[in-house]
N, C-alpha and C. Protein backbone atom coordinates (compact mmCIF):
# COMPACT_ATOMS: atom_id res chain seq x y z
N UNK A 1 0.82 -1.19 0.00
CA UNK A 1 0.00 0.00 0.00
C UNK A 1 0.87 1.26 0.00
N UNK A 2 1.86 1.30 0.87
CA UNK A 2 2.72 2.48 0.93
C UNK A 2 3.76 2.50 -0.18
N UNK A 3 3.95 1.37 -0.85
CA UNK A 3 4.94 1.30 -1.91
C UNK A 3 4.52 2.12 -3.13
N UNK A 4 3.25 2.41 -3.26
CA UNK A 4 2.75 3.15 -4.42
C UNK A 4 2.82 4.66 -4.23
N UNK A 5 3.34 5.13 -3.11
CA UNK A 5 3.43 6.58 -2.87
C UNK A 5 4.58 7.16 -3.68
N UNK A 6 4.28 8.26 -4.35
CA UNK A 6 5.33 8.96 -5.10
C UNK A 6 5.63 10.27 -4.39
N UNK A 7 6.52 11.04 -4.96
CA UNK A 7 6.87 12.34 -4.38
C UNK A 7 5.70 13.29 -4.31
N UNK A 8 4.84 13.24 -5.33
CA UNK A 8 3.67 14.13 -5.33
C UNK A 8 2.69 13.77 -4.24
N UNK A 9 2.58 12.50 -3.93
CA UNK A 9 1.70 12.09 -2.84
C UNK A 9 2.20 12.64 -1.51
N UNK A 10 3.51 12.56 -1.31
CA UNK A 10 4.09 13.08 -0.06
C UNK A 10 3.92 14.58 0.05
N UNK A 11 4.04 15.29 -1.08
CA UNK A 11 3.82 16.74 -1.08
C UNK A 11 2.38 17.04 -0.71
N UNK A 12 1.43 16.29 -1.26
CA UNK A 12 0.02 16.51 -0.95
C UNK A 12 -0.28 16.23 0.52
N UNK A 13 0.31 15.16 1.06
CA UNK A 13 0.12 14.84 2.48
C UNK A 13 0.69 15.94 3.36
N UNK A 14 1.86 16.45 3.00
CA UNK A 14 2.47 17.53 3.78
C UNK A 14 1.61 18.79 3.72
N UNK A 15 1.02 19.08 2.56
CA UNK A 15 0.16 20.26 2.42
C UNK A 15 -1.08 20.12 3.30
N UNK A 16 -1.66 18.95 3.35
CA UNK A 16 -2.84 18.73 4.19
C UNK A 16 -2.48 18.88 5.67
N UNK A 17 -1.34 18.32 6.06
CA UNK A 17 -0.90 18.45 7.46
C UNK A 17 -0.66 19.92 7.79
N UNK A 18 -0.06 20.64 6.87
CA UNK A 18 0.19 22.07 7.08
C UNK A 18 -1.12 22.84 7.24
N UNK A 19 -2.11 22.50 6.44
CA UNK A 19 -3.41 23.18 6.54
C UNK A 19 -4.13 22.82 7.84
N UNK A 20 -4.02 21.58 8.27
CA UNK A 20 -4.73 21.14 9.47
C UNK A 20 -4.09 21.71 10.72
N UNK A 21 -2.78 21.61 10.83
CA UNK A 21 -2.11 22.01 12.06
C UNK A 21 -1.61 23.45 12.04
N UNK A 22 -1.39 24.02 10.90
CA UNK A 22 -0.87 25.37 10.81
C UNK A 22 0.64 25.39 10.97
N UNK A 23 1.25 26.42 10.40
CA UNK A 23 2.71 26.51 10.39
C UNK A 23 3.28 26.73 11.79
N UNK A 24 2.53 27.34 12.68
CA UNK A 24 3.06 27.66 14.00
C UNK A 24 3.12 26.43 14.90
N UNK A 25 2.27 25.44 14.66
CA UNK A 25 2.24 24.27 15.53
C UNK A 25 3.09 23.11 15.01
N UNK A 26 3.57 23.19 13.79
CA UNK A 26 4.36 22.09 13.23
C UNK A 26 5.67 21.82 13.97
N UNK A 27 6.43 22.84 14.39
CA UNK A 27 7.66 22.53 15.14
C UNK A 27 7.39 21.78 16.45
N UNK A 28 6.32 22.17 17.14
CA UNK A 28 5.98 21.47 18.38
C UNK A 28 5.54 20.04 18.10
N UNK A 29 4.82 19.84 17.01
CA UNK A 29 4.39 18.50 16.62
C UNK A 29 5.59 17.63 16.29
N UNK A 30 6.53 18.16 15.53
CA UNK A 30 7.74 17.41 15.17
C UNK A 30 8.58 17.10 16.40
N UNK A 31 8.68 18.04 17.31
CA UNK A 31 9.44 17.83 18.54
C UNK A 31 8.80 16.71 19.37
N UNK A 32 7.49 16.71 19.47
CA UNK A 32 6.78 15.67 20.21
C UNK A 32 6.97 14.30 19.60
N UNK A 33 6.92 14.23 18.28
CA UNK A 33 7.14 12.95 17.60
C UNK A 33 8.57 12.47 17.82
N UNK A 34 9.53 13.38 17.75
CA UNK A 34 10.93 13.01 17.99
C UNK A 34 11.16 12.49 19.40
N UNK A 35 10.54 13.13 20.39
CA UNK A 35 10.67 12.67 21.76
C UNK A 35 10.03 11.30 21.94
N UNK A 36 8.90 11.09 21.29
CA UNK A 36 8.23 9.79 21.39
C UNK A 36 9.08 8.68 20.80
N UNK A 37 9.72 8.96 19.67
CA UNK A 37 10.58 7.96 19.04
C UNK A 37 11.78 7.66 19.92
N UNK A 38 12.37 8.70 20.52
CA UNK A 38 13.52 8.48 21.42
C UNK A 38 13.13 7.64 22.62
N UNK A 39 11.97 7.91 23.21
CA UNK A 39 11.50 7.15 24.36
C UNK A 39 11.25 5.70 23.96
N UNK A 40 10.63 5.50 22.80
CA UNK A 40 10.37 4.14 22.33
C UNK A 40 11.66 3.37 22.13
N UNK A 41 12.66 4.00 21.52
CA UNK A 41 13.95 3.33 21.30
C UNK A 41 14.62 2.97 22.62
N UNK A 42 14.59 3.87 23.59
CA UNK A 42 15.23 3.59 24.86
C UNK A 42 14.51 2.46 25.61
N UNK A 43 13.18 2.43 25.52
CA UNK A 43 12.43 1.36 26.17
C UNK A 43 12.70 0.01 25.51
N UNK A 44 12.81 -0.01 24.19
CA UNK A 44 13.11 -1.26 23.50
C UNK A 44 14.51 -1.74 23.88
N UNK A 45 15.47 -0.80 23.95
CA UNK A 45 16.83 -1.17 24.34
C UNK A 45 16.86 -1.69 25.78
N UNK A 46 16.11 -1.07 26.67
CA UNK A 46 16.05 -1.54 28.06
C UNK A 46 15.39 -2.91 28.14
N UNK A 47 14.38 -3.14 27.31
CA UNK A 47 13.71 -4.44 27.30
C UNK A 47 14.64 -5.54 26.83
N UNK A 48 15.47 -5.23 25.83
CA UNK A 48 16.43 -6.23 25.34
C UNK A 48 17.51 -6.48 26.38
N UNK A 49 17.90 -5.46 27.12
CA UNK A 49 18.93 -5.62 28.15
C UNK A 49 18.40 -6.43 29.33
N UNK A 50 17.10 -6.31 29.62
CA UNK A 50 16.51 -7.02 30.74
C UNK A 50 16.17 -8.46 30.40
N UNK A 51 16.09 -8.81 29.13
CA UNK A 51 15.72 -10.16 28.71
C UNK A 51 16.82 -11.13 29.11
N UNK A 52 16.43 -12.30 29.60
CA UNK A 52 17.45 -13.29 30.00
C UNK A 52 18.12 -13.87 28.76
N UNK A 53 19.40 -14.19 28.90
CA UNK A 53 20.14 -14.83 27.82
C UNK A 53 19.70 -16.27 27.70
N UNK A 54 19.49 -16.72 26.48
CA UNK A 54 19.04 -18.10 26.23
C UNK A 54 20.08 -18.76 25.34
N UNK A 55 20.52 -19.98 25.75
CA UNK A 55 21.46 -20.71 24.93
C UNK A 55 20.75 -21.24 23.70
N UNK A 56 21.49 -21.54 22.65
CA UNK A 56 20.91 -21.93 21.38
C UNK A 56 20.17 -23.25 21.43
N UNK A 57 20.59 -24.20 22.23
CA UNK A 57 20.04 -25.53 22.14
C UNK A 57 18.84 -25.82 23.03
N UNK A 58 18.94 -25.56 24.34
CA UNK A 58 17.91 -26.07 25.24
C UNK A 58 16.81 -25.08 25.57
N UNK A 59 16.97 -23.81 25.33
CA UNK A 59 15.93 -22.82 25.61
C UNK A 59 15.83 -22.41 27.07
N UNK A 60 16.73 -22.89 27.91
CA UNK A 60 16.73 -22.53 29.32
C UNK A 60 17.62 -21.33 29.55
N UNK A 61 17.25 -20.45 30.50
CA UNK A 61 18.11 -19.30 30.80
C UNK A 61 19.45 -19.75 31.37
N UNK A 62 20.48 -18.98 31.14
CA UNK A 62 21.83 -19.31 31.66
C UNK A 62 21.92 -19.06 33.12
């Protein structure tokens, strides 16, 4: 579905977002999205660090 998007589609989507949110609110929106992505990445990294190590053969924790 997303593979069929061209450059013009992205321009149209950006124009709609600009009309809906306005130019003054876009920096705050982008900042919020960036913070959310950073939090998600740190939580995923913490989850991987907390996961027990499993050996290849028996599936039991070390």
